[in-house]
Amino acid sequence: MKIISYCLFIIPITIIGVTLSACDSGIGKSMEVTATAYTLREAETKKGHKGLTAWGDQLKPGMKSIAVSRDLIKLGLSHKTEVKIEGFEGTYIVRDKMNKRWKKELISLWEKT
């Protein structure tokens, strides 16, 4: 039996460094999404391509990276968008996209250096 552990929580995020048509000031936009975490284990990434993202970025331990559901890409969370996550230090970078079955979700890379 395979046991997969993850944490699930709903958090508000703020997009920075992106100007959306609905945000003329360029300050950004906030939204609430469901967030989970993943690691660089091969079971959680593409077999034979550990850490390779759907956009072709190579993830490494310690990177503040997130993957977003494809509906969030249409809302401005595109490749290399900077994101602040409430309750977490620093800025995260969108480097991966999730399967199209997921909606209003992001996953954060949690891998020790």
C-alpha atoms as a PDB file:
ATOM      1  CA  MET A   1       0.000   0.000   0.000  1.00  0.00           C
ATOM      2  CA  LYS A   2       1.360   3.410  -0.960  1.00  0.00           C
ATOM      3  CA  ILE A   3       0.773   6.255   1.473  1.00  0.00           C
ATOM      4  CA  ILE A   4       0.985   9.787   0.166  1.00  0.00           C
ATOM      5  CA  SER A   5       1.099  12.568   2.693  1.00  0.00           C
ATOM      6  CA  TYR A   6       0.363  16.199   1.970  1.00  0.00           C
ATOM      7  CA  CYS A   7      -0.959  19.241   3.687  1.00  0.00           C
ATOM      8  CA  LEU A   8      -4.038  21.036   2.463  1.00  0.00           C
ATOM      9  CA  PHE A   9      -4.913  24.571   3.379  1.00  0.00           C
ATOM     10  CA  ILE A  10      -6.589  27.604   1.891  1.00  0.00           C
ATOM     11  CA  ILE A  11      -4.453  30.714   1.797  1.00  0.00           C
ATOM     12  CA  PRO A  12      -4.672  34.174   0.306  1.00  0.00           C
ATOM     13  CA  ILE A  13      -1.870  35.006  -2.135  1.00  0.00           C
ATOM     14  CA  THR A  14      -0.796  38.308  -3.611  1.00  0.00           C
ATOM     15  CA  ILE A  15       0.569  38.495  -7.119  1.00  0.00           C
ATOM     16  CA  ILE A  16       3.406  40.979  -7.505  1.00  0.00           C
ATOM     17  CA  GLY A  17       5.361  42.136 -10.499  1.00  0.00           C
ATOM     18  CA  VAL A  18       2.407  41.688 -12.820  1.00  0.00           C
ATOM     19  CA  THR A  19       0.042  44.247 -14.216  1.00  0.00           C
ATOM     20  CA  LEU A  20      -3.410  42.954 -15.022  1.00  0.00           C
ATOM     21  CA  SER A  21      -5.941  44.877 -17.075  1.00  0.00           C
ATOM     22  CA  ALA A  22      -8.171  45.072 -14.008  1.00  0.00           C
ATOM     23  CA  CYS A  23      -5.331  46.537 -11.955  1.00  0.00           C
ATOM     24  CA  ASP A  24      -4.180  49.793 -13.533  1.00  0.00           C
ATOM     25  CA  SER A  25      -1.993  50.749 -10.570  1.00  0.00           C
ATOM     26  CA  GLY A  26       0.359  47.800 -11.170  1.00  0.00           C
ATOM     27  CA  ILE A  27       0.280  46.939  -7.441  1.00  0.00           C
ATOM     28  CA  GLY A  28      -1.075  43.459  -7.995  1.00  0.00           C
ATOM     29  CA  LYS A  29      -4.101  41.383  -7.172  1.00  0.00           C
ATOM     30  CA  SER A  30      -5.040  39.161  -4.246  1.00  0.00           C
ATOM     31  CA  MET A  31      -6.938  35.890  -4.448  1.00  0.00           C
ATOM     32  CA  GLU A  32      -7.708  32.922  -2.246  1.00  0.00           C
ATOM     33  CA  VAL A  33      -6.696  29.483  -3.466  1.00  0.00           C
ATOM     34  CA  THR A  34      -6.251  25.959  -2.129  1.00  0.00           C
ATOM     35  CA  ALA A  35      -2.581  25.144  -1.610  1.00  0.00           C
ATOM     36  CA  THR A  36      -0.705  21.889  -1.164  1.00  0.00           C
ATOM     37  CA  ALA A  37       2.974  20.990  -1.162  1.00  0.00           C
ATOM     38  CA  TYR A  38       5.182  18.612  -3.102  1.00  0.00           C
ATOM     39  CA  THR A  39       8.809  17.455  -3.090  1.00  0.00           C
ATOM     40  CA  LEU A  40      11.289  16.440  -5.765  1.00  0.00           C
ATOM     41  CA  ARG A  41      10.695  12.724  -5.258  1.00  0.00           C
ATOM     42  CA  GLU A  42      10.344  10.986  -8.598  1.00  0.00           C
ATOM     43  CA  ALA A  43       6.910   9.682  -7.544  1.00  0.00           C
ATOM     44  CA  GLU A  44       5.698  13.307  -7.450  1.00  0.00           C
ATOM     45  CA  THR A  45       7.234  14.379 -10.747  1.00  0.00           C
ATOM     46  CA  LYS A  46       7.564  12.904 -14.208  1.00  0.00           C
ATOM     47  CA  LYS A  47       9.284   9.515 -14.174  1.00  0.00           C
ATOM     48  CA  GLY A  48      12.895   9.807 -15.280  1.00  0.00           C
ATOM     49  CA  HIS A  49      12.810  13.614 -15.162  1.00  0.00           C
ATOM     50  CA  LYS A  50      13.059  14.405 -11.463  1.00  0.00           C
ATOM     51  CA  GLY A  51      12.378  18.116 -10.866  1.00  0.00           C
ATOM     52  CA  LEU A  52      11.606  19.005 -14.508  1.00  0.00           C
ATOM     53  CA  THR A  53       8.557  21.263 -14.772  1.00  0.00           C
ATOM     54  CA  ALA A  54       5.903  21.495 -17.481  1.00  0.00           C
ATOM     55  CA  TRP A  55       7.519  24.785 -18.610  1.00  0.00           C
ATOM     56  CA  GLY A  56      10.949  23.114 -18.791  1.00  0.00           C
ATOM     57  CA  ASP A  57      12.481  24.629 -15.643  1.00  0.00           C
ATOM     58  CA  GLN A  58      14.731  22.357 -13.575  1.00  0.00           C
ATOM     59  CA  LEU A  59      13.776  22.586  -9.898  1.00  0.00           C
ATOM     60  CA  LYS A  60      16.409  22.274  -7.195  1.00  0.00           C
ATOM     61  CA  PRO A  61      16.111  21.928  -3.408  1.00  0.00           C
ATOM     62  CA  GLY A  62      15.617  25.263  -1.676  1.00  0.00           C
ATOM     63  CA  MET A  63      13.958  27.030  -4.618  1.00  0.00           C
ATOM     64  CA  LYS A  64      10.851  29.012  -3.703  1.00  0.00           C
ATOM     65  CA  SER A  65       8.793  27.639  -6.563  1.00  0.00           C
ATOM     66  CA  ILE A  66       5.103  26.985  -7.067  1.00  0.00           C
ATOM     67  CA  ALA A  67       2.964  25.189  -9.614  1.00  0.00           C
ATOM     68  CA  VAL A  68      -0.426  26.656 -10.454  1.00  0.00           C
ATOM     69  CA  SER A  69      -3.639  25.261 -11.872  1.00  0.00           C
ATOM     70  CA  ARG A  70      -4.197  26.319 -15.466  1.00  0.00           C
ATOM     71  CA  ASP A  71      -7.219  28.478 -14.645  1.00  0.00           C
ATOM     72  CA  LEU A  72      -4.908  30.671 -12.527  1.00  0.00           C
ATOM     73  CA  ILE A  73      -2.589  31.149 -15.498  1.00  0.00           C
ATOM     74  CA  LYS A  74      -5.474  32.893 -17.286  1.00  0.00           C
ATOM     75  CA  LEU A  75      -5.837  35.176 -14.237  1.00  0.00           C
ATOM     76  CA  GLY A  76      -2.227  36.365 -14.433  1.00  0.00           C
ATOM     77  CA  LEU A  77      -0.212  33.660 -12.664  1.00  0.00           C
ATOM     78  CA  SER A  78       1.857  32.830 -15.719  1.00  0.00           C
ATOM     79  CA  HIS A  79       5.403  31.456 -15.978  1.00  0.00           C
ATOM     80  CA  LYS A  80       7.925  33.295 -13.767  1.00  0.00           C
ATOM     81  CA  THR A  81       5.282  35.446 -12.036  1.00  0.00           C
ATOM     82  CA  GLU A  82       6.365  36.494  -8.535  1.00  0.00           C
ATOM     83  CA  VAL A  83       3.910  35.581  -5.784  1.00  0.00           C
ATOM     84  CA  LYS A  84       3.756  36.399  -2.070  1.00  0.00           C
ATOM     85  CA  ILE A  85       1.952  33.846   0.090  1.00  0.00           C
ATOM     86  CA  GLU A  86       0.424  35.103   3.308  1.00  0.00           C
ATOM     87  CA  GLY A  87       2.129  33.547   6.330  1.00  0.00           C
ATOM     88  CA  PHE A  88       5.289  32.541   4.411  1.00  0.00           C
ATOM     89  CA  GLU A  89       8.503  34.520   4.046  1.00  0.00           C
ATOM     90  CA  GLY A  90       9.869  35.660   0.740  1.00  0.00           C
ATOM     91  CA  THR A  91       8.650  35.621  -2.805  1.00  0.00           C
ATOM     92  CA  TYR A  92       7.753  32.465  -4.717  1.00  0.00           C
ATOM     93  CA  ILE A  93       8.115  32.084  -8.490  1.00  0.00           C
ATOM     94  CA  VAL A  94       5.597  30.281 -10.720  1.00  0.00           C
ATOM     95  CA  ARG A  95       7.727  27.645 -12.459  1.00  0.00           C
ATOM     96  CA  ASP A  96       5.259  24.817 -13.084  1.00  0.00           C
ATOM     97  CA  LYS A  97       1.665  24.233 -14.133  1.00  0.00           C
ATOM     98  CA  MET A  98      -0.674  21.540 -12.895  1.00  0.00           C
ATOM     99  CA  ASN A  99      -2.838  19.081 -14.791  1.00  0.00           C
ATOM    100  CA  LYS A 100      -5.933  20.754 -16.251  1.00  0.00           C
ATOM    101  CA  ARG A 101      -8.227  18.786 -13.908  1.00  0.00           C
ATOM    102  CA  TRP A 102      -7.162  21.055 -10.989  1.00  0.00           C
ATOM    103  CA  LYS A 103      -8.942  24.380 -10.412  1.00  0.00           C
ATOM    104  CA  LYS A 104      -8.002  27.356  -8.221  1.00  0.00           C
ATOM    105  CA  GLU A 105      -5.028  25.540  -6.684  1.00  0.00           C
ATOM    106  CA  LEU A 106      -1.308  25.955  -6.281  1.00  0.00           C
ATOM    107  CA  ILE A 107       1.360  23.647  -4.966  1.00  0.00           C
ATOM    108  CA  SER A 108       4.574  24.780  -3.373  1.00  0.00           C
ATOM    109  CA  LEU A 109       7.924  23.018  -3.597  1.00  0.00           C
ATOM    110  CA  TRP A 110       8.955  21.948  -0.094  1.00  0.00           C
ATOM    111  CA  GLU A 111      12.389  20.462  -0.425  1.00  0.00           C
ATOM    112  CA  LYS A 112      15.236  21.036   2.026  1.00  0.00           C
ATOM    113  CA  THR A 113      18.573  22.250   0.715  1.00  0.00           C
END
